[in-house]
Amino acid sequence: MFKIYKQYKNGGEILIHPNVKKSDSDYKALRTIANNFAKRGKSVMLIPNTHFKSPTYTEIFGSLIGTVYERKCPDMKVDDFFYEYESYLSPFKYGKYPI
């Protein structure tokens, strides 16, 4: 299911699911973060947005079912831990922003 994007001699690797949208605004940042983890010997999987009723969700996020994180869709998995990447736009200003 996941395809090997990059491997390091220390055992670190980056795996990317074929359904990950490379056109997403955060894809480049996620790949950079994954590369930093992989250089340190970690196994990193970049995960696509998946609906919680999908069989793919159960395959990838099965360990989240029954927890408070059920129905969540993190961006990556590093070894056995899921991570969600949140970016921001600067400069920050005090006040309310439209959604």
Protein backbone atom coordinates (compact mmCIF):
# COMPACT_ATOMS: atom_id res chain seq x y z
CA MET A 1 0.00 0.00 0.00
CA PHE A 2 2.71 2.55 0.95
CA LYS A 3 5.54 3.17 -1.50
CA ILE A 4 9.12 3.79 -0.46
CA TYR A 5 10.09 7.38 -1.22
CA LYS A 6 13.53 7.42 0.43
CA GLN A 7 15.71 5.12 2.53
CA TYR A 8 18.78 5.80 4.67
CA LYS A 9 21.62 3.49 5.65
CA ASN A 10 20.70 3.84 9.35
CA GLY A 11 17.30 2.21 8.68
CA GLY A 12 15.34 5.41 8.39
CA GLU A 13 12.80 5.54 5.61
CA ILE A 14 9.99 7.64 4.17
CA LEU A 15 6.89 5.85 2.91
CA ILE A 16 4.18 7.73 1.03
CA HIS A 17 0.66 6.45 0.43
CA PRO A 18 -0.36 6.69 -3.25
CA ASN A 19 -3.45 8.76 -2.32
CA VAL A 20 -1.45 11.56 -0.68
CA LYS A 21 -2.21 14.74 -2.64
CA LYS A 22 1.11 16.20 -3.71
CA SER A 23 -0.69 19.41 -4.67
CA ASP A 24 -1.74 20.11 -1.05
CA SER A 25 -0.21 23.26 0.41
CA ASP A 26 1.44 21.37 3.29
CA TYR A 27 2.91 18.49 1.25
CA LYS A 28 6.37 20.04 0.88
CA ALA A 29 6.57 20.83 4.61
CA LEU A 30 5.44 17.31 5.53
CA ARG A 31 8.08 15.79 3.26
CA THR A 32 10.76 17.97 4.89
CA ILE A 33 9.64 16.95 8.38
CA ALA A 34 9.54 13.29 7.34
CA ASN A 35 13.06 13.59 5.93
CA ASN A 36 14.36 14.98 9.24
CA PHE A 37 12.84 12.05 11.17
CA ALA A 38 14.13 9.50 8.63
CA LYS A 39 17.68 10.89 8.83
CA ARG A 40 17.54 9.99 12.52
CA GLY A 41 16.61 6.36 11.77
CA LYS A 42 12.83 6.64 12.08
CA SER A 43 10.27 5.05 9.79
CA VAL A 44 7.87 7.74 8.57
CA MET A 45 4.60 7.26 6.70
CA LEU A 46 2.86 10.18 4.99
CA ILE A 47 -0.86 9.48 5.20
CA PRO A 48 -3.69 10.76 2.96
CA ASN A 49 -6.90 12.34 4.21
CA THR A 50 -9.25 9.40 4.67
CA HIS A 51 -12.91 9.26 5.66
CA PHE A 52 -13.41 7.43 8.95
CA LYS A 53 -15.94 5.02 7.37
CA SER A 54 -13.47 3.95 4.69
CA PRO A 55 -11.72 0.54 4.88
CA THR A 56 -8.46 2.42 4.35
CA TYR A 57 -9.09 4.31 7.60
CA THR A 58 -9.34 1.04 9.51
CA GLU A 59 -6.13 -0.25 7.93
CA ILE A 60 -4.09 2.87 8.69
CA PHE A 61 -5.72 4.23 11.86
CA GLY A 62 -7.02 1.03 13.46
CA SER A 63 -5.07 1.74 16.65
CA LEU A 64 -7.04 5.00 17.11
CA ILE A 65 -10.43 3.28 17.09
CA GLY A 66 -11.92 3.32 20.58
CA THR A 67 -9.77 6.24 21.74
CA VAL A 68 -10.52 9.95 21.94
CA TYR A 69 -8.70 10.31 18.59
CA GLU A 70 -11.11 8.07 16.69
CA ARG A 71 -12.29 9.73 13.45
CA LYS A 72 -9.17 11.93 13.38
CA CYS A 73 -6.86 11.76 10.38
CA PRO A 74 -3.27 12.72 11.28
CA ASP A 75 -0.82 13.64 8.53
CA MET A 76 1.97 11.21 9.34
CA LYS A 77 3.02 8.27 11.45
CA VAL A 78 6.54 8.16 12.88
CA ASP A 79 7.37 4.69 14.15
CA ASP A 80 4.26 4.02 16.29
CA PHE A 81 3.13 7.61 16.88
CA PHE A 82 0.74 9.72 14.80
CA TYR A 83 1.47 13.39 14.14
CA GLU A 84 -0.70 16.23 12.86
CA TYR A 85 1.07 19.12 11.15
CA GLU A 86 -0.41 22.57 11.61
CA SER A 87 0.99 25.49 9.68
CA TYR A 88 0.36 29.17 10.20
CA LEU A 89 0.37 32.33 8.21
CA SER A 90 2.31 35.27 9.53
CA PRO A 91 2.27 38.02 10.60
CA PHE A 92 -0.09 37.42 13.48
CA LYS A 93 -2.42 40.24 14.39
CA TYR A 94 -4.64 40.63 17.39
CA GLY A 95 -8.30 40.39 16.50
CA LYS A 96 -10.89 38.17 14.93
CA TYR A 97 -10.34 36.54 11.58
CA PRO A 98 -13.05 35.36 9.21
CA ILE A 99 -13.10 31.63 8.60
